[in-house]
Protein backbone atom coordinates (compact mmCIF):
# COMPACT_ATOMS: atom_id res chain seq x y z
CA MET A 1 -40.61 -83.93 29.03
CA ALA A 2 -40.31 -87.77 29.06
CA ARG A 3 -42.32 -89.44 26.28
CA VAL A 4 -45.09 -91.75 27.61
CA LEU A 5 -45.23 -94.97 25.74
CA ARG A 6 -48.61 -96.48 25.11
CA SER A 7 -48.89 -100.23 25.06
CA PRO A 8 -50.87 -101.96 22.41
CA MET A 9 -53.33 -102.94 25.11
CA ASP A 10 -53.92 -99.34 26.08
CA SER A 11 -54.72 -98.42 22.39
CA LEU A 12 -57.05 -101.47 22.06
CA SER A 13 -58.79 -100.66 25.33
CA CYS A 14 -59.45 -97.10 24.29
CA ALA A 15 -60.84 -98.28 20.97
CA LEU A 16 -63.15 -100.70 22.56
CA LEU A 17 -63.98 -98.49 25.60
CA PRO A 18 -63.70 -94.92 24.49
CA ALA A 19 -63.14 -92.36 27.21
CA SER A 20 -63.00 -88.66 27.20
CA CYS A 21 -61.55 -85.99 29.47
CA ALA A 22 -63.91 -85.06 32.26
CA LEU A 23 -62.92 -81.31 31.82
CA CYS A 24 -62.45 -80.58 28.13
CA GLY A 25 -64.14 -83.69 26.62
CA SER A 26 -61.18 -84.73 24.42
CA PRO A 27 -60.44 -88.37 23.88
CA LEU A 28 -58.11 -89.91 26.29
CA PRO A 29 -55.18 -91.79 24.86
CA GLN A 30 -55.26 -94.37 27.46
CA LEU A 31 -57.55 -95.71 30.20
CA SER A 32 -57.06 -93.98 33.49
CA SER A 33 -58.66 -93.85 36.99
CA VAL A 34 -58.49 -90.08 36.54
CA PRO A 35 -60.11 -89.13 33.33
CA ILE A 36 -58.46 -85.79 32.90
CA CYS A 37 -56.12 -85.37 30.05
CA ASP A 38 -52.48 -84.09 30.35
CA VAL A 39 -53.31 -80.84 28.62
CA CYS A 40 -55.92 -79.77 31.14
CA TRP A 41 -53.61 -80.48 34.00
CA THR A 42 -51.31 -77.81 32.61
CA GLU A 43 -54.04 -75.20 32.23
CA PHE A 44 -54.84 -74.55 35.83
CA PRO A 45 -54.55 -70.89 36.53
CA LEU A 46 -51.90 -69.91 39.12
CA ALA A 47 -51.96 -66.99 41.48
CA SER A 48 -50.06 -64.06 40.24
CA GLY A 49 -49.59 -60.32 40.82
CA PRO A 50 -49.63 -58.32 44.09
CA MET A 51 -51.62 -60.27 46.88
CA CYS A 52 -52.49 -59.39 50.36
CA VAL A 53 -49.92 -60.95 52.72
CA ARG A 54 -52.58 -61.99 55.21
CA CYS A 55 -55.48 -63.57 53.19
CA GLY A 56 -54.01 -63.94 49.73
CA ASP A 57 -56.59 -61.83 47.95
CA SER A 58 -55.52 -59.66 45.01
CA LEU A 59 -54.38 -56.14 45.62
CA ASP A 60 -55.93 -54.02 42.88
CA ALA A 61 -55.53 -50.26 43.08
CA PRO A 62 -58.63 -49.54 45.33
CA ALA A 63 -57.27 -52.01 48.04
CA SER A 64 -53.65 -50.94 47.82
CA GLN A 65 -54.26 -47.27 48.45
CA SER A 66 -54.38 -47.72 52.26
CA SER A 67 -51.68 -50.34 52.61
CA ALA A 68 -48.82 -51.68 50.49
CA SER A 69 -49.41 -55.27 51.57
CA LEU A 70 -52.89 -55.67 53.11
CA CYS A 71 -56.17 -55.75 51.41
CA ARG A 72 -58.96 -53.43 52.74
CA ALA A 73 -60.85 -56.40 54.54
CA CYS A 74 -57.71 -57.35 56.49
CA THR A 75 -56.89 -53.78 57.24
CA LEU A 76 -60.26 -52.95 58.76
CA ALA A 77 -60.77 -56.26 60.47
CA PRO A 78 -57.66 -58.41 60.87
CA PRO A 79 -58.67 -62.08 60.56
CA PRO A 80 -58.08 -64.57 63.34
CA PHE A 81 -55.66 -66.60 61.17
CA VAL A 82 -52.06 -65.75 60.63
CA ARG A 83 -52.02 -66.17 56.84
CA ALA A 84 -53.98 -67.95 54.09
CA VAL A 85 -52.36 -69.40 51.06
CA ALA A 86 -53.63 -71.11 47.90
CA PHE A 87 -52.27 -72.91 44.92
CA GLY A 88 -54.21 -71.35 42.15
CA ILE A 89 -57.11 -69.32 41.05
CA TYR A 90 -60.73 -70.51 41.23
CA GLN A 91 -61.60 -70.28 37.53
CA ASP A 92 -61.45 -72.19 34.27
CA ARG A 93 -59.84 -75.64 34.65
CA MET A 94 -59.36 -75.37 38.39
CA ARG A 95 -62.98 -74.68 38.90
CA GLU A 96 -63.99 -77.55 36.68
CA ALA A 97 -61.74 -79.90 38.45
CA ILE A 98 -62.94 -78.96 41.93
CA HIS A 99 -66.56 -79.42 40.77
CA ALA A 100 -65.63 -82.83 39.26
CA LEU A 101 -64.26 -83.89 42.45
CA LYS A 102 -67.11 -82.56 44.76
CA TYR A 103 -70.22 -83.04 42.65
CA ASP A 104 -69.24 -85.67 40.14
CA ARG A 105 -67.54 -87.90 42.70
CA LEU A 106 -64.25 -87.99 40.77
CA HIS A 107 -62.45 -89.20 43.85
CA PRO A 108 -59.19 -90.31 42.26
CA SER A 109 -58.58 -86.75 41.21
CA ALA A 110 -57.99 -85.82 44.80
CA ARG A 111 -54.43 -87.25 44.74
CA ARG A 112 -53.03 -84.93 42.08
CA LEU A 113 -55.14 -82.05 43.46
CA GLY A 114 -53.76 -82.85 46.89
CA GLN A 115 -50.19 -82.52 45.46
CA MET A 116 -51.16 -79.02 44.32
CA LEU A 117 -52.41 -78.18 47.87
CA ALA A 118 -49.15 -79.44 49.27
CA LYS A 119 -47.32 -76.91 47.12
CA ALA A 120 -49.61 -74.17 48.51
CA ILE A 121 -48.86 -75.36 52.05
CA ALA A 122 -45.15 -75.34 51.28
CA GLN A 123 -45.43 -71.58 50.84
CA LEU A 124 -45.80 -71.34 54.60
CA ALA A 125 -42.40 -73.14 55.25
CA PRO A 126 -40.38 -69.96 56.02
CA GLU A 127 -42.70 -68.80 58.80
CA ALA A 128 -45.23 -71.41 59.87
CA PRO A 129 -44.33 -73.81 62.90
CA THR A 130 -43.09 -77.26 61.81
CA ASN A 131 -45.57 -79.03 64.24
CA MET A 132 -49.17 -78.33 63.44
CA LEU A 133 -52.56 -80.15 63.74
CA VAL A 134 -54.15 -80.27 60.19
CA VAL A 135 -57.84 -79.64 60.52
CA PRO A 136 -60.05 -80.00 57.36
CA VAL A 137 -63.19 -77.65 57.42
CA PRO A 138 -66.05 -80.14 58.19
CA LEU A 139 -69.38 -80.61 56.31
CA HIS A 140 -72.57 -80.62 58.15
CA PRO A 141 -73.55 -84.33 58.83
CA SER A 142 -76.56 -84.00 56.50
CA LYS A 143 -74.37 -82.70 53.64
CA TYR A 144 -71.84 -85.45 54.44
CA ALA A 145 -74.46 -87.99 54.19
CA ASP A 146 -75.62 -86.65 50.85
CA ARG A 147 -72.18 -86.36 49.46
CA GLY A 148 -70.53 -89.43 51.08
CA PHE A 149 -67.12 -87.73 51.66
CA ASN A 150 -65.59 -84.45 52.66
CA GLN A 151 -63.39 -83.08 49.82
CA ALA A 152 -61.30 -80.95 52.38
CA ARG A 153 -60.34 -84.20 54.18
CA SER A 154 -59.52 -85.97 50.89
CA LEU A 155 -57.33 -83.18 49.77
CA ALA A 156 -55.55 -82.98 53.14
CA VAL A 157 -54.81 -86.66 53.21
CA HIS A 158 -53.02 -86.60 49.83
CA ALA A 159 -51.26 -83.31 50.59
CA LEU A 160 -49.73 -84.67 53.79
CA ALA A 161 -48.57 -87.78 51.89
CA PHE A 162 -46.63 -85.47 49.55
CA LEU A 163 -45.33 -83.17 52.33
CA ARG A 164 -43.89 -86.13 54.31
CA LYS A 165 -41.40 -86.54 51.36
CA SER A 166 -40.83 -82.90 50.49
CA HIS A 167 -40.73 -81.47 54.06
CA PRO A 168 -39.73 -84.36 56.40
CA GLU A 169 -38.92 -81.96 59.04
CA TRP A 170 -42.53 -81.01 59.52
CA ARG A 171 -44.78 -82.81 61.98
CA LEU A 172 -48.33 -82.55 60.53
CA THR A 173 -51.00 -84.45 62.31
CA LEU A 174 -54.32 -84.86 60.61
CA ALA A 175 -57.12 -84.16 63.11
CA SER A 176 -60.30 -84.67 60.97
CA SER A 177 -62.75 -84.61 63.96
CA THR A 178 -61.41 -81.62 65.78
CA LEU A 179 -63.84 -79.10 64.16
CA MET A 180 -67.53 -79.59 64.12
CA ARG A 181 -70.11 -77.81 62.00
CA LEU A 182 -72.85 -77.08 64.45
CA ARG A 183 -75.63 -76.08 62.02
CA GLU A 184 -76.31 -76.64 58.37
CA THR A 185 -75.40 -73.28 56.82
CA GLY A 186 -77.25 -72.26 53.64
CA SER A 187 -75.20 -72.15 50.36
CA GLN A 188 -72.74 -69.28 50.21
CA ALA A 189 -73.48 -69.12 46.31
CA GLY A 190 -74.48 -65.64 45.25
CA LEU A 191 -74.17 -64.06 48.54
CA THR A 192 -72.42 -60.69 49.25
CA PRO A 193 -69.39 -60.86 51.58
CA ARG A 194 -71.52 -59.54 54.47
CA GLN A 195 -74.20 -62.06 53.89
CA ARG A 196 -71.58 -64.85 53.83
CA ARG A 197 -70.14 -63.73 57.26
CA LEU A 198 -73.60 -63.73 58.75
CA ASN A 199 -74.31 -67.16 57.18
CA VAL A 200 -71.35 -68.91 59.01
CA ARG A 201 -71.29 -66.95 62.14
CA GLY A 202 -71.30 -69.35 65.06
CA ALA A 203 -71.44 -72.24 62.77
CA PHE A 204 -68.26 -74.10 64.18
CA SER A 205 -67.18 -75.58 67.51
CA VAL A 206 -64.20 -77.56 68.73
CA SER A 207 -65.08 -81.09 69.75
CA ASP A 208 -62.27 -81.40 72.42
CA PRO A 209 -60.71 -77.96 73.38
CA SER A 210 -57.98 -79.76 75.28
CA GLU A 211 -56.56 -81.16 72.05
CA VAL A 212 -56.38 -77.81 70.49
CA ALA A 213 -55.17 -75.81 73.39
CA SER A 214 -51.65 -74.31 72.78
CA ARG A 215 -51.35 -76.08 69.40
CA HIS A 216 -50.67 -74.56 66.09
CA ILE A 217 -53.42 -75.36 63.54
CA LEU A 218 -53.37 -75.65 59.85
CA LEU A 219 -56.93 -75.21 58.50
CA ILE A 220 -57.67 -76.98 55.14
CA ASP A 221 -60.42 -76.45 52.48
CA ASP A 222 -60.83 -76.48 48.77
CA ILE A 223 -61.57 -72.94 48.09
CA LEU A 224 -61.42 -69.63 49.72
CA THR A 225 -63.73 -66.95 48.52
CA THR A 226 -64.42 -64.02 50.86
CA GLY A 227 -62.82 -65.68 53.80
CA ALA A 228 -65.99 -65.80 55.77
CA THR A 229 -65.79 -69.59 56.52
CA ALA A 230 -62.10 -69.34 57.26
CA ARG A 231 -62.68 -66.57 59.76
CA ALA A 232 -65.50 -68.39 61.49
CA ALA A 233 -63.68 -71.67 61.77
CA ALA A 234 -60.43 -69.87 62.87
CA GLN A 235 -62.47 -67.88 65.56
CA ALA A 236 -63.71 -71.35 66.92
CA LEU A 237 -60.25 -72.77 67.08
CA MET A 238 -58.77 -69.61 68.67
CA ARG A 239 -61.64 -69.54 71.32
CA ALA A 240 -60.46 -73.09 72.30
CA ASP A 241 -57.03 -71.59 72.98
CA ALA A 242 -55.14 -72.59 69.83
CA ALA A 243 -51.75 -70.91 69.58
CA SER A 244 -52.35 -69.82 65.96
CA VAL A 245 -54.39 -70.81 62.88
CA TRP A 246 -52.92 -70.93 59.34
CA VAL A 247 -55.19 -71.53 56.32
CA ALA A 248 -54.32 -73.34 53.09
CA THR A 249 -56.61 -74.00 50.09
CA LEU A 250 -56.37 -75.50 46.72
CA ALA A 251 -57.82 -72.41 45.00
CA ARG A 252 -58.54 -68.65 45.72
CA ALA A 253 -61.40 -66.66 44.13
CA ARG A 254 -60.19 -63.38 42.91
CA ARG A 255 -61.80 -59.99 43.88
CA ILE A 256 -63.12 -57.84 41.16
CA TYR A 257 -63.49 -54.20 42.12
CA GLU A 258 -66.39 -51.85 41.16
CA PHE A 259 -66.24 -48.25 42.16
CA HIS A 260 -69.11 -46.88 44.28
CA ARG A 261 -69.65 -44.49 47.12
CA ARG A 262 -69.99 -47.26 49.69
CA SER A 263 -68.22 -50.31 50.81
CA VAL A 264 -69.32 -54.03 51.11
CA PHE A 265 -67.21 -54.11 54.11
CA GLU A 266 -69.69 -52.17 56.16
CA ASP A 267 -69.96 -55.19 58.49
CA ALA A 268 -66.19 -55.84 58.49
CA GLY A 269 -66.18 -55.82 62.28
CA ASP A 270 -67.31 -59.50 62.57
CA ASN A 271 -64.46 -60.15 65.05
CA GLN A 272 -63.67 -56.47 65.92
CA SER A 273 -66.98 -54.53 66.37
CA SER A 274 -65.31 -51.14 66.38
CA MET A 275 -64.05 -51.57 62.88
CA GLY A 276 -67.68 -51.18 61.52
CA ASN A 277 -67.42 -47.44 61.74
CA LEU A 278 -64.17 -47.28 59.79
CA ALA A 279 -65.54 -49.46 57.07
CA ALA A 280 -68.50 -47.00 56.57
CA ALA A 281 -66.05 -44.38 55.33
CA ALA A 282 -67.07 -42.61 52.14
CA MET A 283 -65.45 -43.21 48.68
CA GLN A 284 -64.50 -46.81 49.31
CA SER A 285 -64.87 -49.46 46.68
CA GLU A 286 -67.47 -52.24 46.47
CA SER A 287 -65.83 -55.68 45.69
CA ILE A 288 -67.36 -58.73 44.17
CA TYR A 289 -65.75 -62.10 43.59
CA SER A 290 -65.34 -63.87 40.28
CA SER A 291 -66.98 -67.03 41.64
CA GLN A 292 -69.74 -66.13 43.74
CA ASP A 293 -71.43 -69.38 42.66
CA GLN A 294 -69.04 -71.31 44.85
CA PRO A 295 -70.52 -72.29 48.33
CA SER A 296 -67.16 -72.56 50.13
CA PHE A 297 -64.71 -70.47 52.16
């Protein structure tokens, strides 16, 4: 690794204007528009282990009994998107960095986080179309007014800048106003997977269906938890005659399995009502997510 030389002015500035890392609190060796130390950037947890080829969720023993490559949710009710990918796991430093961006308005961090998102999108290169509309998941106007920006759009802008260099053959067009959030949904924090699906059902619409018709869509957000928001947004796009929908997020919450005699997927038939009967089968597992405090995908 190349050694970074600190100028005398940097050292003097840090002595006069001390700054600390927004994530770990350690002193920063130099002034920076992104107050996150080099060590923290290396501590972002990456996705590993067997994962569902459709939604990217972890494939632990309970989920892998029925399929070698699909999680139970995607087996019982295939999502309306082709595939979902993520850069890392929504925990530890990743979680802290996303919170700093969204709630502490640490806007400059979006550039480096966007580079991570670009690496996630690059996973789709072998199979995704090279010409796609890039659609950030929108905020409701009231939440946008309160927050002042849409983190999904910020991440998408920076990701596309990196992808233009790494994958010049792709034609990715940002379409920020394509998807609309029709109503202000309550926070997804602490909700069960079924409650999350009900919370976002019918929440999205396409502003101009003619722009979406026969187009391949890349849906972008910061986090994917149960996939409820991704499903609802993808359904709206498919109803507008999109050719296909792909999903990319910066982080993915991991599923934690607890064994019970019922399944939380009893309402898995959100987009296929007949699947509800299958999901009610006995001796299935209940799953929770490691980050149910996160009100996102």
